[in-house]
């Protein structure tokens, strides 16, 4: 099992498995029996490491996906109690701020996530997207470009840079950015 090899402790292996099953639908991965295996991995991770925030977050993600509100709340409360500074835990605070329409708070939370782990391209790209939503286009472009420096394969960051350029009325530059994605950039 590749997960067991790259993460030798059983609890870490189960955490990573649960994480893979969580992102599978977003990455269009076709994993057989994904839902049941996700649940098994999340439950096993919590059994092996009940005082680990990530284990409880992964369990909360699973239970939310199967609409078990009580289990979701229980695992989130445990995760917040164990390690409120964990990036995955903070992610739930970010989600709540976005759902409540508190975009400036969401930007602040995302900056906290970056302060914890500044070298993750996704964190920078997410901040860029939030800055677009607040109308801070210059700042957004800077963060999106940082995301590309950290993770050149982060094509969503390049797409958002093109979006910023369109909003800044720079369509020719946006086309150049889109061409680097492999599209012709001149459609529509």
C-alpha atoms as a PDB file:
ATOM      1  CA  UNK A   1       0.000   0.000   0.000  1.00  0.00           C
ATOM      2  CA  UNK A   2       1.636   3.242  -1.172  1.00  0.00           C
ATOM      3  CA  UNK A   3       0.050   5.296   1.593  1.00  0.00           C
ATOM      4  CA  UNK A   4       1.447   2.927   4.229  1.00  0.00           C
ATOM      5  CA  UNK A   5       4.888   3.121   2.625  1.00  0.00           C
ATOM      6  CA  UNK A   6       5.087   6.899   2.406  1.00  0.00           C
ATOM      7  CA  UNK A   7       3.554   7.424   5.867  1.00  0.00           C
ATOM      8  CA  UNK A   8       4.810   4.615   8.091  1.00  0.00           C
ATOM      9  CA  UNK A   9       2.616   5.091  11.166  1.00  0.00           C
ATOM     10  CA  UNK A  10      -0.854   3.536  10.922  1.00  0.00           C
ATOM     11  CA  UNK A  11      -2.653   6.662  12.170  1.00  0.00           C
ATOM     12  CA  UNK A  12      -0.857   8.899   9.666  1.00  0.00           C
ATOM     13  CA  UNK A  13      -1.558   6.427   6.885  1.00  0.00           C
ATOM     14  CA  UNK A  14      -5.268   6.452   7.692  1.00  0.00           C
ATOM     15  CA  UNK A  15      -5.246  10.253   7.862  1.00  0.00           C
ATOM     16  CA  UNK A  16      -3.718  10.472   4.411  1.00  0.00           C
ATOM     17  CA  UNK A  17      -6.161   7.893   3.072  1.00  0.00           C
ATOM     18  CA  UNK A  18      -9.083   9.900   4.441  1.00  0.00           C
ATOM     19  CA  UNK A  19      -7.595  13.023   2.863  1.00  0.00           C
ATOM     20  CA  UNK A  20      -7.289  11.309  -0.514  1.00  0.00           C
ATOM     21  CA  UNK A  21     -10.925  10.226  -0.398  1.00  0.00           C
ATOM     22  CA  UNK A  22     -11.966  13.757   0.572  1.00  0.00           C
ATOM     23  CA  UNK A  23     -10.267  15.353  -2.465  1.00  0.00           C
ATOM     24  CA  UNK A  24     -11.097  12.549  -4.924  1.00  0.00           C
ATOM     25  CA  UNK A  25     -14.375  14.073  -6.178  1.00  0.00           C
ATOM     26  CA  UNK A  26     -12.732  17.484  -6.711  1.00  0.00           C
ATOM     27  CA  UNK A  27      -9.854  15.941  -8.638  1.00  0.00           C
ATOM     28  CA  UNK A  28     -12.226  13.651 -10.569  1.00  0.00           C
ATOM     29  CA  UNK A  29     -10.484  10.550  -9.253  1.00  0.00           C
ATOM     30  CA  UNK A  30     -12.460   7.368  -9.761  1.00  0.00           C
ATOM     31  CA  UNK A  31     -11.831   5.327  -6.633  1.00  0.00           C
ATOM     32  CA  UNK A  32     -13.851   2.112  -6.181  1.00  0.00           C
ATOM     33  CA  UNK A  33     -16.016   2.134  -3.046  1.00  0.00           C
ATOM     34  CA  UNK A  34     -14.689   5.601  -2.252  1.00  0.00           C
ATOM     35  CA  UNK A  35     -17.424   6.612   0.192  1.00  0.00           C
ATOM     36  CA  UNK A  36     -17.222   3.492   2.348  1.00  0.00           C
ATOM     37  CA  UNK A  37     -13.410   3.432   2.271  1.00  0.00           C
ATOM     38  CA  UNK A  38     -13.343   7.115   3.176  1.00  0.00           C
ATOM     39  CA  UNK A  39     -15.548   6.452   6.176  1.00  0.00           C
ATOM     40  CA  UNK A  40     -13.420   3.489   7.248  1.00  0.00           C
ATOM     41  CA  UNK A  41     -10.197   5.503   6.924  1.00  0.00           C
ATOM     42  CA  UNK A  42     -11.621   8.470   8.849  1.00  0.00           C
ATOM     43  CA  UNK A  43     -13.015   6.291  11.642  1.00  0.00           C
ATOM     44  CA  UNK A  44      -9.781   4.319  11.933  1.00  0.00           C
ATOM     45  CA  UNK A  45      -7.718   7.529  12.052  1.00  0.00           C
ATOM     46  CA  UNK A  46      -9.808   8.820  14.964  1.00  0.00           C
ATOM     47  CA  UNK A  47      -9.555   5.441  16.716  1.00  0.00           C
ATOM     48  CA  UNK A  48      -5.760   5.470  16.363  1.00  0.00           C
ATOM     49  CA  UNK A  49      -5.243   9.172  17.137  1.00  0.00           C
ATOM     50  CA  UNK A  50      -8.287  10.651  18.915  1.00  0.00           C
ATOM     51  CA  UNK A  51      -6.288  13.647  20.154  1.00  0.00           C
ATOM     52  CA  UNK A  52      -5.052  14.634  16.709  1.00  0.00           C
ATOM     53  CA  UNK A  53      -6.903  17.568  15.148  1.00  0.00           C
ATOM     54  CA  UNK A  54      -6.451  16.288  11.600  1.00  0.00           C
ATOM     55  CA  UNK A  55      -8.033  12.931  12.473  1.00  0.00           C
ATOM     56  CA  UNK A  56     -11.116  14.704  13.784  1.00  0.00           C
ATOM     57  CA  UNK A  57     -11.261  17.085  10.813  1.00  0.00           C
ATOM     58  CA  UNK A  58     -11.094  14.156   8.372  1.00  0.00           C
ATOM     59  CA  UNK A  59     -13.878  12.442  10.292  1.00  0.00           C
ATOM     60  CA  UNK A  60     -15.943  15.662  10.265  1.00  0.00           C
ATOM     61  CA  UNK A  61     -15.446  15.955   6.500  1.00  0.00           C
ATOM     62  CA  UNK A  62     -16.655  12.410   6.011  1.00  0.00           C
ATOM     63  CA  UNK A  63     -19.667  12.790   8.293  1.00  0.00           C
ATOM     64  CA  UNK A  64     -20.625  16.046   6.621  1.00  0.00           C
ATOM     65  CA  UNK A  65     -20.534  14.265   3.253  1.00  0.00           C
ATOM     66  CA  UNK A  66     -23.038  11.688   4.526  1.00  0.00           C
ATOM     67  CA  UNK A  67     -25.099  14.430   6.218  1.00  0.00           C
ATOM     68  CA  UNK A  68     -24.557  13.253   9.791  1.00  0.00           C
ATOM     69  CA  UNK A  69     -24.743  16.662  11.463  1.00  0.00           C
ATOM     70  CA  UNK A  70     -24.248  15.436  15.015  1.00  0.00           C
ATOM     71  CA  UNK A  71     -21.089  13.460  14.206  1.00  0.00           C
ATOM     72  CA  UNK A  72     -19.784  16.375  12.125  1.00  0.00           C
ATOM     73  CA  UNK A  73     -20.281  18.826  15.006  1.00  0.00           C
ATOM     74  CA  UNK A  74     -18.761  16.422  17.532  1.00  0.00           C
ATOM     75  CA  UNK A  75     -15.575  15.896  15.508  1.00  0.00           C
ATOM     76  CA  UNK A  76     -15.238  19.588  14.666  1.00  0.00           C
ATOM     77  CA  UNK A  77     -15.616  20.541  18.321  1.00  0.00           C
ATOM     78  CA  UNK A  78     -12.942  17.999  19.214  1.00  0.00           C
ATOM     79  CA  UNK A  79     -10.615  19.288  16.472  1.00  0.00           C
ATOM     80  CA  UNK A  80     -11.039  22.908  17.634  1.00  0.00           C
ATOM     81  CA  UNK A  81     -10.418  21.833  21.246  1.00  0.00           C
ATOM     82  CA  UNK A  82      -7.302  19.811  20.405  1.00  0.00           C
ATOM     83  CA  UNK A  83      -5.548  22.261  18.071  1.00  0.00           C
ATOM     84  CA  UNK A  84      -7.325  25.462  17.032  1.00  0.00           C
ATOM     85  CA  UNK A  85      -4.185  26.541  15.101  1.00  0.00           C
ATOM     86  CA  UNK A  86      -4.158  23.482  12.820  1.00  0.00           C
ATOM     87  CA  UNK A  87      -4.581  24.647   9.185  1.00  0.00           C
ATOM     88  CA  UNK A  88      -7.418  22.179   8.564  1.00  0.00           C
ATOM     89  CA  UNK A  89      -9.229  23.395  11.680  1.00  0.00           C
ATOM     90  CA  UNK A  90      -8.721  26.997  10.664  1.00  0.00           C
ATOM     91  CA  UNK A  91     -10.119  26.002   7.259  1.00  0.00           C
ATOM     92  CA  UNK A  92     -13.476  25.381   8.871  1.00  0.00           C
ATOM     93  CA  UNK A  93     -13.363  28.871  10.416  1.00  0.00           C
ATOM     94  CA  UNK A  94     -12.595  30.171   6.935  1.00  0.00           C
ATOM     95  CA  UNK A  95     -15.541  28.296   5.470  1.00  0.00           C
ATOM     96  CA  UNK A  96     -17.874  29.712   8.131  1.00  0.00           C
ATOM     97  CA  UNK A  97     -16.692  33.276   7.428  1.00  0.00           C
ATOM     98  CA  UNK A  98     -17.303  32.797   3.701  1.00  0.00           C
ATOM     99  CA  UNK A  99     -20.732  31.240   4.250  1.00  0.00           C
ATOM    100  CA  UNK A 100     -21.670  34.142   6.519  1.00  0.00           C
ATOM    101  CA  UNK A 101     -20.518  36.647   3.877  1.00  0.00           C
ATOM    102  CA  UNK A 102     -17.731  37.992   6.089  1.00  0.00           C
ATOM    103  CA  UNK A 103     -15.150  38.228   3.309  1.00  0.00           C
ATOM    104  CA  UNK A 104     -12.700  40.496   5.153  1.00  0.00           C
ATOM    105  CA  UNK A 105     -12.706  38.008   8.031  1.00  0.00           C
ATOM    106  CA  UNK A 106     -12.136  35.233   5.493  1.00  0.00           C
ATOM    107  CA  UNK A 107      -9.089  37.092   4.136  1.00  0.00           C
ATOM    108  CA  UNK A 108      -7.746  37.431   7.694  1.00  0.00           C
ATOM    109  CA  UNK A 109      -8.268  33.728   8.389  1.00  0.00           C
ATOM    110  CA  UNK A 110      -6.559  32.769   5.135  1.00  0.00           C
ATOM    111  CA  UNK A 111      -3.604  34.968   6.080  1.00  0.00           C
ATOM    112  CA  UNK A 112      -3.403  33.035   9.388  1.00  0.00           C
ATOM    113  CA  UNK A 113      -3.281  29.799   7.416  1.00  0.00           C
ATOM    114  CA  UNK A 114      -0.440  31.178   5.295  1.00  0.00           C
ATOM    115  CA  UNK A 115       1.430  32.328   8.405  1.00  0.00           C
ATOM    116  CA  UNK A 116       1.385  28.734   9.655  1.00  0.00           C
ATOM    117  CA  UNK A 117       2.477  27.204   6.354  1.00  0.00           C
ATOM    118  CA  UNK A 118       3.671  29.885   3.900  1.00  0.00           C
ATOM    119  CA  UNK A 119       5.060  27.552   1.236  1.00  0.00           C
ATOM    120  CA  UNK A 120       1.793  25.926   0.131  1.00  0.00           C
ATOM    121  CA  UNK A 121       0.687  27.149  -3.296  1.00  0.00           C
ATOM    122  CA  UNK A 122      -2.968  26.354  -2.605  1.00  0.00           C
ATOM    123  CA  UNK A 123      -3.007  28.611   0.454  1.00  0.00           C
ATOM    124  CA  UNK A 124      -1.688  31.515  -1.635  1.00  0.00           C
ATOM    125  CA  UNK A 125      -4.107  30.803  -4.483  1.00  0.00           C
ATOM    126  CA  UNK A 126      -7.019  30.703  -2.032  1.00  0.00           C
ATOM    127  CA  UNK A 127      -5.954  34.059  -0.611  1.00  0.00           C
ATOM    128  CA  UNK A 128      -5.783  35.410  -4.169  1.00  0.00           C
ATOM    129  CA  UNK A 129      -9.332  34.240  -4.840  1.00  0.00           C
ATOM    130  CA  UNK A 130     -10.585  35.829  -1.614  1.00  0.00           C
ATOM    131  CA  UNK A 131      -8.848  39.079  -2.477  1.00  0.00           C
ATOM    132  CA  UNK A 132     -10.584  39.052  -5.877  1.00  0.00           C
ATOM    133  CA  UNK A 133     -13.908  38.717  -4.057  1.00  0.00           C
ATOM    134  CA  UNK A 134     -13.096  41.758  -1.912  1.00  0.00           C
ATOM    135  CA  UNK A 135     -12.071  43.785  -4.967  1.00  0.00           C
ATOM    136  CA  UNK A 136      -8.391  43.986  -4.016  1.00  0.00           C
ATOM    137  CA  UNK A 137      -7.161  43.023  -7.457  1.00  0.00           C
ATOM    138  CA  UNK A 138      -3.533  44.146  -7.213  1.00  0.00           C
ATOM    139  CA  UNK A 139      -3.047  42.196  -3.986  1.00  0.00           C
ATOM    140  CA  UNK A 140      -4.845  39.222  -5.532  1.00  0.00           C
ATOM    141  CA  UNK A 141      -2.509  39.159  -8.507  1.00  0.00           C
ATOM    142  CA  UNK A 142       0.553  39.250  -6.229  1.00  0.00           C
ATOM    143  CA  UNK A 143      -0.718  36.285  -4.190  1.00  0.00           C
ATOM    144  CA  UNK A 144      -1.680  34.325  -7.311  1.00  0.00           C
ATOM    145  CA  UNK A 145       1.762  34.900  -8.796  1.00  0.00           C
ATOM    146  CA  UNK A 146       3.321  33.715  -5.526  1.00  0.00           C
ATOM    147  CA  UNK A 147       1.157  30.596  -5.772  1.00  0.00           C
ATOM    148  CA  UNK A 148       2.557  29.904  -9.233  1.00  0.00           C
ATOM    149  CA  UNK A 149       6.116  30.388  -7.976  1.00  0.00           C
ATOM    150  CA  UNK A 150       5.489  27.847  -5.221  1.00  0.00           C
ATOM    151  CA  UNK A 151       3.578  25.412  -7.416  1.00  0.00           C
ATOM    152  CA  UNK A 152       4.030  25.948 -11.148  1.00  0.00           C
ATOM    153  CA  UNK A 153       1.370  23.316 -11.869  1.00  0.00           C
ATOM    154  CA  UNK A 154      -1.279  25.385 -10.042  1.00  0.00           C
ATOM    155  CA  UNK A 155      -3.210  26.180 -13.221  1.00  0.00           C
ATOM    156  CA  UNK A 156      -6.212  27.508 -11.281  1.00  0.00           C
ATOM    157  CA  UNK A 157      -3.934  30.311 -10.053  1.00  0.00           C
ATOM    158  CA  UNK A 158      -3.042  31.175 -13.648  1.00  0.00           C
ATOM    159  CA  UNK A 159      -6.753  31.181 -14.562  1.00  0.00           C
ATOM    160  CA  UNK A 160      -7.465  33.562 -11.698  1.00  0.00           C
ATOM    161  CA  UNK A 161      -4.604  35.829 -12.798  1.00  0.00           C
ATOM    162  CA  UNK A 162      -6.296  36.029 -16.195  1.00  0.00           C
ATOM    163  CA  UNK A 163      -9.570  36.834 -14.459  1.00  0.00           C
ATOM    164  CA  UNK A 164      -7.886  39.656 -12.500  1.00  0.00           C
ATOM    165  CA  UNK A 165      -6.431  41.025 -15.720  1.00  0.00           C
ATOM    166  CA  UNK A 166      -9.862  40.990 -17.351  1.00  0.00           C
ATOM    167  CA  UNK A 167     -11.314  42.857 -14.370  1.00  0.00           C
ATOM    168  CA  UNK A 168      -8.442  45.345 -14.684  1.00  0.00           C
ATOM    169  CA  UNK A 169      -9.340  45.822 -18.365  1.00  0.00           C
ATOM    170  CA  UNK A 170      -6.184  44.163 -19.681  1.00  0.00           C
ATOM    171  CA  UNK A 171      -7.677  41.607 -22.105  1.00  0.00           C
ATOM    172  CA  UNK A 172      -4.535  41.208 -24.228  1.00  0.00           C
ATOM    173  CA  UNK A 173      -2.449  40.318 -21.192  1.00  0.00           C
ATOM    174  CA  UNK A 174      -5.217  37.956 -20.014  1.00  0.00           C
ATOM    175  CA  UNK A 175      -5.090  36.171 -23.397  1.00  0.00           C
ATOM    176  CA  UNK A 176      -1.320  35.725 -23.042  1.00  0.00           C
ATOM    177  CA  UNK A 177      -1.805  34.193 -19.603  1.00  0.00           C
ATOM    178  CA  UNK A 178      -4.533  31.889 -20.910  1.00  0.00           C
ATOM    179  CA  UNK A 179      -2.385  30.775 -23.847  1.00  0.00           C
ATOM    180  CA  UNK A 180       0.117  29.440 -21.319  1.00  0.00           C
ATOM    181  CA  UNK A 181      -2.698  27.167 -20.092  1.00  0.00           C
ATOM    182  CA  UNK A 182      -2.877  25.501 -23.478  1.00  0.00           C
ATOM    183  CA  UNK A 183      -6.026  27.235 -24.715  1.00  0.00           C
ATOM    184  CA  UNK A 184      -6.085  29.680 -27.558  1.00  0.00           C
ATOM    185  CA  UNK A 185      -7.102  32.538 -25.261  1.00  0.00           C
ATOM    186  CA  UNK A 186      -8.972  34.181 -28.094  1.00  0.00           C
ATOM    187  CA  UNK A 187     -12.356  32.529 -27.825  1.00  0.00           C
ATOM    188  CA  UNK A 188     -15.423  34.526 -26.871  1.00  0.00           C
END
